[in-house]
Amino acid sequence: MHNEAFIAELKRESASTKRILERVSEGKFDWKPHEKSMTLGRLASHVAELPGFLNSILTMDDFDFTKGHYKPSLAKTPEELLNLFQEKLDEVIHTLENTSDEKMNANFTLHSGDRVIASVPRTVAVRAMALNHLIHHRGQIAVYLRLLDIPVPGLYGPSADEM
């Protein structure tokens, strides 16, 4: 099985994700940098819940937004963010450990009703729809933290706040 590489990468990225989620200040959950932006609390909750979407990619053949497959989470504290993230991370690692290569190479379809957003092999969906998605939003949180003058933790080495 080639899932060991995904598991190792997920565990490595999860350490950086936890460092970001720990910095989300309780009093700043309602803050957003722009009217079109998510609040910090919603964005951080989305990052914390994304391993659950990865689990859906691994266990479902298709995911339809119109069927209520997605129920957004909204944590209220940094501890809730970390607990949600760890719970979803543990679930997806367990699923990855038990997902065959055949299933990983089978297609996964993401759609909203009749509109197909993507239909790709699970290996592509795991990377593009879940892991890269999480990393992208984690980077957004880093920008939010900077704008709030909250020290940004290093993600792939020391940050300017750690030098």
N, C-alpha and C. Protein backbone atom coordinates (compact mmCIF):
# COMPACT_ATOMS: atom_id res chain seq x y z
N MET A 1 0.83 -1.19 0.00
CA MET A 1 0.00 0.00 0.00
C MET A 1 0.88 1.25 0.00
N HIS A 2 0.48 2.23 -0.76
CA HIS A 2 1.26 3.47 -0.83
C HIS A 2 0.71 4.55 0.11
N ASN A 3 -0.21 4.23 0.96
CA ASN A 3 -0.81 5.21 1.87
C ASN A 3 0.15 5.66 2.96
N GLU A 4 1.23 4.91 3.19
CA GLU A 4 2.18 5.30 4.23
C GLU A 4 2.74 6.69 3.96
N ALA A 5 2.96 7.02 2.69
CA ALA A 5 3.49 8.34 2.35
C ALA A 5 2.46 9.42 2.68
N PHE A 6 1.19 9.18 2.37
CA PHE A 6 0.14 10.14 2.71
C PHE A 6 0.04 10.32 4.22
N ILE A 7 0.11 9.21 4.95
CA ILE A 7 0.02 9.26 6.41
C ILE A 7 1.18 10.07 6.98
N ALA A 8 2.40 9.80 6.49
CA ALA A 8 3.58 10.52 6.97
C ALA A 8 3.45 12.02 6.68
N GLU A 9 3.00 12.37 5.48
CA GLU A 9 2.85 13.77 5.13
C GLU A 9 1.75 14.43 5.97
N LEU A 10 0.66 13.72 6.16
CA LEU A 10 -0.45 14.25 6.96
C LEU A 10 0.01 14.51 8.40
N LYS A 11 0.77 13.58 8.97
CA LYS A 11 1.28 13.77 10.33
C LYS A 11 2.24 14.95 10.40
N ARG A 12 3.09 15.08 9.39
CA ARG A 12 4.05 16.21 9.38
C ARG A 12 3.29 17.53 9.28
N GLU A 13 2.35 17.61 8.37
CA GLU A 13 1.57 18.84 8.20
C GLU A 13 0.70 19.13 9.43
N SER A 14 0.25 18.08 10.10
CA SER A 14 -0.62 18.29 11.26
C SER A 14 0.11 19.01 12.39
N ALA A 15 1.39 18.80 12.51
CA ALA A 15 2.15 19.50 13.55
C ALA A 15 2.12 21.01 13.30
N SER A 16 2.29 21.42 12.04
CA SER A 16 2.22 22.85 11.70
C SER A 16 0.80 23.38 11.88
N THR A 17 -0.18 22.58 11.53
CA THR A 17 -1.57 23.00 11.69
C THR A 17 -1.90 23.23 13.16
N LYS A 18 -1.44 22.35 14.01
CA LYS A 18 -1.68 22.52 15.45
C LYS A 18 -1.03 23.79 15.98
N ARG A 19 0.19 24.11 15.49
CA ARG A 19 0.87 25.33 15.93
C ARG A 19 0.07 26.57 15.53
N ILE A 20 -0.53 26.55 14.35
CA ILE A 20 -1.36 27.68 13.90
C ILE A 20 -2.63 27.76 14.73
N LEU A 21 -3.32 26.64 14.92
CA LEU A 21 -4.59 26.65 15.65
C LEU A 21 -4.41 27.08 17.10
N GLU A 22 -3.27 26.75 17.70
CA GLU A 22 -2.99 27.16 19.08
C GLU A 22 -2.92 28.67 19.23
N ARG A 23 -2.59 29.38 18.15
CA ARG A 23 -2.40 30.83 18.21
C ARG A 23 -3.70 31.61 18.01
N VAL A 24 -4.76 30.95 17.60
CA VAL A 24 -6.02 31.65 17.36
C VAL A 24 -6.56 32.11 18.71
N SER A 25 -6.57 33.42 18.91
CA SER A 25 -6.97 34.00 20.20
C SER A 25 -8.48 33.95 20.38
N GLU A 26 -8.89 33.51 21.55
CA GLU A 26 -10.30 33.37 21.87
C GLU A 26 -11.09 34.65 21.62
N GLY A 27 -10.55 35.78 21.94
CA GLY A 27 -11.27 37.04 21.76
C GLY A 27 -11.31 37.55 20.33
N LYS A 28 -10.69 36.81 19.41
CA LYS A 28 -10.60 37.27 18.01
C LYS A 28 -11.37 36.39 17.04
N PHE A 29 -12.17 35.45 17.53
CA PHE A 29 -12.87 34.51 16.65
C PHE A 29 -13.82 35.19 15.67
N ASP A 30 -14.35 36.37 16.02
CA ASP A 30 -15.30 37.06 15.15
C ASP A 30 -14.62 38.04 14.19
N TRP A 31 -13.30 38.20 14.30
CA TRP A 31 -12.59 39.16 13.47
C TRP A 31 -12.42 38.64 12.05
N LYS A 32 -12.51 39.53 11.06
CA LYS A 32 -12.20 39.20 9.68
C LYS A 32 -11.56 40.40 9.01
N PRO A 33 -10.62 40.16 8.10
CA PRO A 33 -9.86 41.26 7.51
C PRO A 33 -10.62 42.02 6.42
N HIS A 34 -11.69 41.44 5.91
CA HIS A 34 -12.42 42.04 4.80
C HIS A 34 -13.85 41.53 4.84
N GLU A 35 -14.77 42.31 4.34
CA GLU A 35 -16.18 41.93 4.35
C GLU A 35 -16.44 40.59 3.66
N LYS A 36 -15.67 40.27 2.62
CA LYS A 36 -15.86 39.02 1.88
C LYS A 36 -15.12 37.84 2.52
N SER A 37 -14.34 38.10 3.54
CA SER A 37 -13.55 37.05 4.19
C SER A 37 -14.37 36.32 5.24
N MET A 38 -13.93 35.09 5.55
CA MET A 38 -14.49 34.35 6.68
C MET A 38 -13.97 34.99 7.96
N THR A 39 -14.71 34.80 9.05
CA THR A 39 -14.18 35.21 10.35
C THR A 39 -13.01 34.28 10.69
N LEU A 40 -12.16 34.73 11.58
CA LEU A 40 -11.05 33.89 12.01
C LEU A 40 -11.55 32.58 12.62
N GLY A 41 -12.61 32.66 13.42
CA GLY A 41 -13.16 31.45 14.04
C GLY A 41 -13.69 30.46 13.02
N ARG A 42 -14.38 30.96 12.00
CA ARG A 42 -14.91 30.07 10.96
C ARG A 42 -13.78 29.47 10.14
N LEU A 43 -12.79 30.30 9.78
CA LEU A 43 -11.65 29.82 9.00
C LEU A 43 -10.87 28.76 9.78
N ALA A 44 -10.60 29.03 11.05
CA ALA A 44 -9.87 28.08 11.88
C ALA A 44 -10.68 26.79 12.09
N SER A 45 -11.98 26.92 12.25
CA SER A 45 -12.84 25.73 12.38
C SER A 45 -12.81 24.91 11.10
N HIS A 46 -12.80 25.60 9.96
CA HIS A 46 -12.74 24.91 8.67
C HIS A 46 -11.44 24.11 8.55
N VAL A 47 -10.34 24.73 8.94
CA VAL A 47 -9.05 24.02 8.92
C VAL A 47 -9.12 22.80 9.85
N ALA A 48 -9.68 22.98 11.03
CA ALA A 48 -9.76 21.88 12.00
C ALA A 48 -10.64 20.73 11.50
N GLU A 49 -11.66 21.05 10.72
CA GLU A 49 -12.58 20.00 10.25
C GLU A 49 -12.13 19.34 8.95
N LEU A 50 -11.17 19.92 8.23
CA LEU A 50 -10.80 19.40 6.91
C LEU A 50 -10.31 17.95 6.90
N PRO A 51 -9.64 17.44 7.94
CA PRO A 51 -9.34 16.01 7.90
C PRO A 51 -10.61 15.15 7.82
N GLY A 52 -11.73 15.66 8.30
CA GLY A 52 -13.01 14.95 8.15
C GLY A 52 -13.45 14.87 6.70
N PHE A 53 -13.18 15.93 5.92
CA PHE A 53 -13.49 15.88 4.50
C PHE A 53 -12.59 14.87 3.81
N LEU A 54 -11.33 14.82 4.21
CA LEU A 54 -10.42 13.81 3.68
C LEU A 54 -10.97 12.41 3.95
N ASN A 55 -11.51 12.21 5.14
CA ASN A 55 -12.11 10.92 5.48
C ASN A 55 -13.30 10.63 4.56
N SER A 56 -14.08 11.64 4.24
CA SER A 56 -15.21 11.46 3.32
C SER A 56 -14.72 11.05 1.94
N ILE A 57 -13.64 11.66 1.48
CA ILE A 57 -13.07 11.29 0.18
C ILE A 57 -12.69 9.81 0.17
N LEU A 58 -12.18 9.34 1.28
CA LEU A 58 -11.72 7.95 1.36
C LEU A 58 -12.86 6.95 1.52
N THR A 59 -13.98 7.37 2.07
CA THR A 59 -15.05 6.42 2.40
C THR A 59 -16.28 6.54 1.51
N MET A 60 -16.38 7.62 0.74
CA MET A 60 -17.55 7.83 -0.12
C MET A 60 -17.10 7.84 -1.58
N ASP A 61 -17.96 7.37 -2.47
CA ASP A 61 -17.64 7.44 -3.90
C ASP A 61 -17.96 8.81 -4.46
N ASP A 62 -18.96 9.47 -3.87
CA ASP A 62 -19.28 10.82 -4.30
C ASP A 62 -19.77 11.63 -3.11
N PHE A 63 -19.54 12.91 -3.21
CA PHE A 63 -19.89 13.85 -2.14
C PHE A 63 -20.71 14.95 -2.78
N ASP A 64 -21.95 15.08 -2.33
CA ASP A 64 -22.88 16.05 -2.91
C ASP A 64 -23.25 17.08 -1.86
N PHE A 65 -22.86 18.33 -2.11
CA PHE A 65 -23.16 19.40 -1.16
C PHE A 65 -24.66 19.58 -0.95
N THR A 66 -25.48 19.28 -1.97
CA THR A 66 -26.92 19.49 -1.84
C THR A 66 -27.60 18.43 -0.98
N LYS A 67 -26.90 17.35 -0.68
CA LYS A 67 -27.48 16.27 0.14
C LYS A 67 -27.12 16.39 1.62
N GLY A 68 -26.55 17.51 2.00
CA GLY A 68 -26.23 17.73 3.40
C GLY A 68 -25.03 16.94 3.89
N HIS A 69 -24.15 16.51 2.98
CA HIS A 69 -22.95 15.77 3.39
C HIS A 69 -21.99 16.65 4.18
N TYR A 70 -22.11 17.97 4.01
CA TYR A 70 -21.20 18.87 4.71
C TYR A 70 -21.97 19.68 5.74
N LYS A 71 -21.55 19.54 6.98
CA LYS A 71 -22.12 20.32 8.08
C LYS A 71 -20.97 21.07 8.73
N PRO A 72 -20.89 22.40 8.50
CA PRO A 72 -19.75 23.15 9.03
C PRO A 72 -19.68 23.14 10.55
N SER A 73 -18.45 23.10 11.03
CA SER A 73 -18.19 23.18 12.47
C SER A 73 -17.87 24.61 12.82
N LEU A 74 -18.13 24.99 14.08
CA LEU A 74 -17.74 26.31 14.55
C LEU A 74 -17.29 26.18 16.00
N ALA A 75 -15.97 26.06 16.15
CA ALA A 75 -15.39 25.98 17.49
C ALA A 75 -15.45 27.35 18.14
N LYS A 76 -15.45 27.35 19.46
CA LYS A 76 -15.55 28.60 20.22
C LYS A 76 -14.25 28.97 20.94
N THR A 77 -13.33 27.99 21.06
CA THR A 77 -12.08 28.22 21.78
C THR A 77 -10.93 27.53 21.04
N PRO A 78 -9.70 27.96 21.31
CA PRO A 78 -8.55 27.25 20.72
C PRO A 78 -8.53 25.77 21.11
N GLU A 79 -8.94 25.45 22.32
CA GLU A 79 -8.97 24.05 22.77
C GLU A 79 -9.97 23.24 21.93
N GLU A 80 -11.13 23.83 21.65
CA GLU A 80 -12.12 23.15 20.80
C GLU A 80 -11.56 22.94 19.40
N LEU A 81 -10.83 23.93 18.88
CA LEU A 81 -10.21 23.78 17.56
C LEU A 81 -9.25 22.60 17.55
N LEU A 82 -8.38 22.56 18.55
CA LEU A 82 -7.38 21.49 18.61
C LEU A 82 -8.02 20.13 18.81
N ASN A 83 -9.06 20.05 19.65
CA ASN A 83 -9.75 18.78 19.87
C ASN A 83 -10.45 18.30 18.61
N LEU A 84 -11.12 19.21 17.91
CA LEU A 84 -11.79 18.87 16.65
C LEU A 84 -10.77 18.37 15.63
N PHE A 85 -9.68 19.11 15.49
CA PHE A 85 -8.64 18.72 14.54
C PHE A 85 -8.09 17.33 14.87
N GLN A 86 -7.75 17.10 16.14
CA GLN A 86 -7.16 15.81 16.53
C GLN A 86 -8.14 14.67 16.32
N GLU A 87 -9.40 14.89 16.64
CA GLU A 87 -10.43 13.86 16.43
C GLU A 87 -10.52 13.48 14.95
N LYS A 88 -10.61 14.47 14.09
CA LYS A 88 -10.73 14.22 12.64
C LYS A 88 -9.44 13.62 12.09
N LEU A 89 -8.29 14.06 12.59
CA LEU A 89 -7.01 13.54 12.16
C LEU A 89 -6.88 12.06 12.52
N ASP A 90 -7.22 11.70 13.75
CA ASP A 90 -7.15 10.30 14.18
C ASP A 90 -8.04 9.42 13.31
N GLU A 91 -9.24 9.91 13.01
CA GLU A 91 -10.18 9.15 12.17
C GLU A 91 -9.60 8.90 10.78
N VAL A 92 -9.06 9.94 10.17
CA VAL A 92 -8.58 9.79 8.80
C VAL A 92 -7.32 8.94 8.74
N ILE A 93 -6.47 9.04 9.72
CA ILE A 93 -5.28 8.17 9.73
C ILE A 93 -5.70 6.71 9.82
N HIS A 94 -6.66 6.43 10.69
CA HIS A 94 -7.18 5.06 10.79
C HIS A 94 -7.76 4.61 9.44
N THR A 95 -8.52 5.48 8.80
CA THR A 95 -9.10 5.12 7.50
C THR A 95 -8.02 4.89 6.46
N LEU A 96 -7.02 5.77 6.41
CA LEU A 96 -5.93 5.60 5.45
C LEU A 96 -5.18 4.28 5.66
N GLU A 97 -5.01 3.92 6.93
CA GLU A 97 -4.31 2.66 7.23
C GLU A 97 -5.09 1.45 6.70
N ASN A 98 -6.38 1.61 6.48
CA ASN A 98 -7.23 0.50 6.07
C ASN A 98 -7.83 0.67 4.68
N THR A 99 -7.29 1.58 3.88
CA THR A 99 -7.79 1.82 2.52
C THR A 99 -6.84 1.17 1.52
N SER A 100 -7.39 0.34 0.66
CA SER A 100 -6.58 -0.40 -0.31
C SER A 100 -6.09 0.51 -1.44
N ASP A 101 -5.04 0.05 -2.11
CA ASP A 101 -4.53 0.77 -3.28
C ASP A 101 -5.61 0.84 -4.35
N GLU A 102 -6.37 -0.23 -4.48
CA GLU A 102 -7.45 -0.26 -5.48
C GLU A 102 -8.46 0.86 -5.22
N LYS A 103 -8.85 1.02 -3.96
CA LYS A 103 -9.80 2.08 -3.61
C LYS A 103 -9.17 3.46 -3.82
N MET A 104 -7.89 3.61 -3.49
CA MET A 104 -7.21 4.90 -3.67
C MET A 104 -7.17 5.30 -5.15
N ASN A 105 -7.10 4.33 -6.04
CA ASN A 105 -7.03 4.62 -7.47
C ASN A 105 -8.40 4.77 -8.12
N ALA A 106 -9.46 4.40 -7.40
CA ALA A 106 -10.82 4.55 -7.92
C ALA A 106 -11.23 6.02 -7.88
N ASN A 107 -12.19 6.38 -8.71
CA ASN A 107 -12.63 7.77 -8.78
C ASN A 107 -13.47 8.20 -7.59
N PHE A 108 -13.33 9.46 -7.28
CA PHE A 108 -14.15 10.16 -6.29
C PHE A 108 -14.75 11.36 -7.02
N THR A 109 -16.03 11.59 -6.81
CA THR A 109 -16.71 12.70 -7.48
C THR A 109 -17.25 13.68 -6.44
N LEU A 110 -16.93 14.94 -6.64
CA LEU A 110 -17.43 16.03 -5.82
C LEU A 110 -18.41 16.81 -6.67
N HIS A 111 -19.62 16.98 -6.15
CA HIS A 111 -20.59 17.73 -6.93
C HIS A 111 -21.58 18.45 -6.04
N SER A 112 -22.30 19.35 -6.69
CA SER A 112 -23.37 20.08 -6.05
C SER A 112 -24.59 19.88 -6.94
N GLY A 113 -25.42 18.93 -6.56
CA GLY A 113 -26.54 18.55 -7.42
C GLY A 113 -26.02 17.97 -8.71
N ASP A 114 -26.51 18.48 -9.83
CA ASP A 114 -26.09 17.98 -11.14
C ASP A 114 -24.75 18.55 -11.61
N ARG A 115 -24.27 19.57 -10.93
CA ARG A 115 -23.01 20.19 -11.35
C ARG A 115 -21.83 19.44 -10.74
N VAL A 116 -21.05 18.80 -11.60
CA VAL A 116 -19.86 18.07 -11.16
C VAL A 116 -18.72 19.08 -11.00
N ILE A 117 -18.17 19.12 -9.82
CA ILE A 117 -17.04 20.01 -9.53
C ILE A 117 -15.74 19.33 -9.95
N ALA A 118 -15.62 18.05 -9.61
CA ALA A 118 -14.45 17.26 -10.00
C ALA A 118 -14.77 15.79 -9.89
N SER A 119 -14.20 15.01 -10.78
CA SER A 119 -14.28 13.56 -10.71
C SER A 119 -12.88 13.05 -11.03
N VAL A 120 -12.17 12.63 -10.00
CA VAL A 120 -10.74 12.30 -10.11
C VAL A 120 -10.42 11.07 -9.26
N PRO A 121 -9.29 10.42 -9.53
CA PRO A 121 -8.87 9.33 -8.65
C PRO A 121 -8.70 9.86 -7.21
N ARG A 122 -9.00 9.01 -6.24
CA ARG A 122 -8.89 9.42 -4.83
C ARG A 122 -7.50 9.96 -4.49
N THR A 123 -6.47 9.39 -5.09
CA THR A 123 -5.12 9.89 -4.80
C THR A 123 -5.00 11.37 -5.16
N VAL A 124 -5.65 11.79 -6.22
CA VAL A 124 -5.64 13.20 -6.63
C VAL A 124 -6.53 14.00 -5.68
N ALA A 125 -7.70 13.47 -5.36
CA ALA A 125 -8.63 14.17 -4.46
C ALA A 125 -8.02 14.36 -3.08
N VAL A 126 -7.32 13.35 -2.58
CA VAL A 126 -6.68 13.45 -1.26
C VAL A 126 -5.72 14.63 -1.24
N ARG A 127 -4.93 14.76 -2.29
CA ARG A 127 -3.93 15.83 -2.34
C ARG A 127 -4.60 17.17 -2.65
N ALA A 128 -5.35 17.25 -3.74
CA ALA A 128 -5.85 18.54 -4.23
C ALA A 128 -7.03 19.08 -3.43
N MET A 129 -7.97 18.22 -3.10
CA MET A 129 -9.19 18.69 -2.44
C MET A 129 -9.07 18.75 -0.92
N ALA A 130 -8.16 17.97 -0.37
CA ALA A 130 -8.08 17.92 1.09
C ALA A 130 -6.77 18.49 1.62
N LEU A 131 -5.64 17.86 1.33
CA LEU A 131 -4.39 18.29 1.93
C LEU A 131 -3.98 19.69 1.46
N ASN A 132 -3.99 19.93 0.15
CA ASN A 132 -3.63 21.26 -0.35
C ASN A 132 -4.63 22.31 0.13
N HIS A 133 -5.88 21.94 0.22
CA HIS A 133 -6.94 22.82 0.69
C HIS A 133 -6.65 23.24 2.14
N LEU A 134 -6.29 22.27 2.97
CA LEU A 134 -5.96 22.55 4.36
C LEU A 134 -4.75 23.49 4.46
N ILE A 135 -3.71 23.20 3.69
CA ILE A 135 -2.50 24.01 3.73
C ILE A 135 -2.80 25.44 3.27
N HIS A 136 -3.61 25.58 2.24
CA HIS A 136 -4.01 26.90 1.75
C HIS A 136 -4.69 27.72 2.85
N HIS A 137 -5.69 27.13 3.49
CA HIS A 137 -6.41 27.86 4.53
C HIS A 137 -5.55 28.09 5.78
N ARG A 138 -4.64 27.17 6.05
CA ARG A 138 -3.72 27.38 7.17
C ARG A 138 -2.86 28.62 6.90
N GLY A 139 -2.44 28.81 5.65
CA GLY A 139 -1.70 30.00 5.27
C GLY A 139 -2.53 31.27 5.45
N GLN A 140 -3.82 31.18 5.16
CA GLN A 140 -4.69 32.33 5.38
C GLN A 140 -4.74 32.68 6.87
N ILE A 141 -4.80 31.67 7.72
CA ILE A 141 -4.81 31.95 9.17
C ILE A 141 -3.52 32.66 9.56
N ALA A 142 -2.39 32.26 8.99
CA ALA A 142 -1.12 32.92 9.30
C ALA A 142 -1.19 34.41 8.95
N VAL A 143 -1.83 34.74 7.83
CA VAL A 143 -1.98 36.15 7.45
C VAL A 143 -2.90 36.86 8.45
N TYR A 144 -4.00 36.22 8.82
CA TYR A 144 -4.90 36.82 9.82
C TYR A 144 -4.14 37.11 11.11
N LEU A 145 -3.33 36.14 11.54
CA LEU A 145 -2.56 36.34 12.78
C LEU A 145 -1.63 37.53 12.64
N ARG A 146 -0.95 37.63 11.50
CA ARG A 146 -0.03 38.75 11.28
C ARG A 146 -0.79 40.07 11.36
N LEU A 147 -1.96 40.14 10.72
CA LEU A 147 -2.75 41.37 10.72
C LEU A 147 -3.23 41.73 12.13
N LEU A 148 -3.41 40.72 12.96
CA LEU A 148 -3.85 40.94 14.34
C LEU A 148 -2.67 41.15 15.30
N ASP A 149 -1.46 41.14 14.77
CA ASP A 149 -0.24 41.28 15.55
C ASP A 149 -0.09 40.16 16.58
N ILE A 150 -0.53 38.98 16.19
CA ILE A 150 -0.34 37.77 16.99
C ILE A 150 0.87 37.04 16.40
N PRO A 151 1.85 36.67 17.20
CA PRO A 151 3.04 36.00 16.66
C PRO A 151 2.68 34.77 15.82
N VAL A 152 3.25 34.72 14.62
CA VAL A 152 3.01 33.62 13.69
C VAL A 152 4.04 32.52 13.95
N PRO A 153 3.59 31.29 14.15
CA PRO A 153 4.56 30.22 14.37
C PRO A 153 5.21 29.80 13.05
N GLY A 154 6.40 29.27 13.16
CA GLY A 154 7.06 28.72 11.99
C GLY A 154 6.32 27.49 11.51
N LEU A 155 6.21 27.36 10.19
CA LEU A 155 5.53 26.21 9.62
C LEU A 155 6.50 25.26 8.93
N TYR A 156 7.46 25.83 8.19
CA TYR A 156 8.47 25.03 7.51
C TYR A 156 9.87 25.50 7.88
N GLY A 157 9.99 26.03 9.05
CA GLY A 157 11.20 26.64 9.56
C GLY A 157 10.77 27.80 10.42
N PRO A 158 11.71 28.54 11.00
CA PRO A 158 11.32 29.64 11.89
C PRO A 158 10.60 30.75 11.13
N SER A 159 9.65 31.39 11.81
CA SER A 159 8.97 32.56 11.25
C SER A 159 9.74 33.81 11.69
N ALA A 160 9.34 34.96 11.16
CA ALA A 160 9.98 36.22 11.57
C ALA A 160 9.79 36.48 13.05
N ASP A 161 8.73 35.90 13.63
CA ASP A 161 8.47 36.09 15.06
C ASP A 161 9.32 35.18 15.93
N GLU A 162 9.98 34.23 15.34
CA GLU A 162 10.78 33.26 16.10
C GLU A 162 12.29 33.45 15.91
N MET A 163 12.65 34.46 15.18
CA MET A 163 14.08 34.66 14.87
C MET A 163 14.75 35.45 15.97
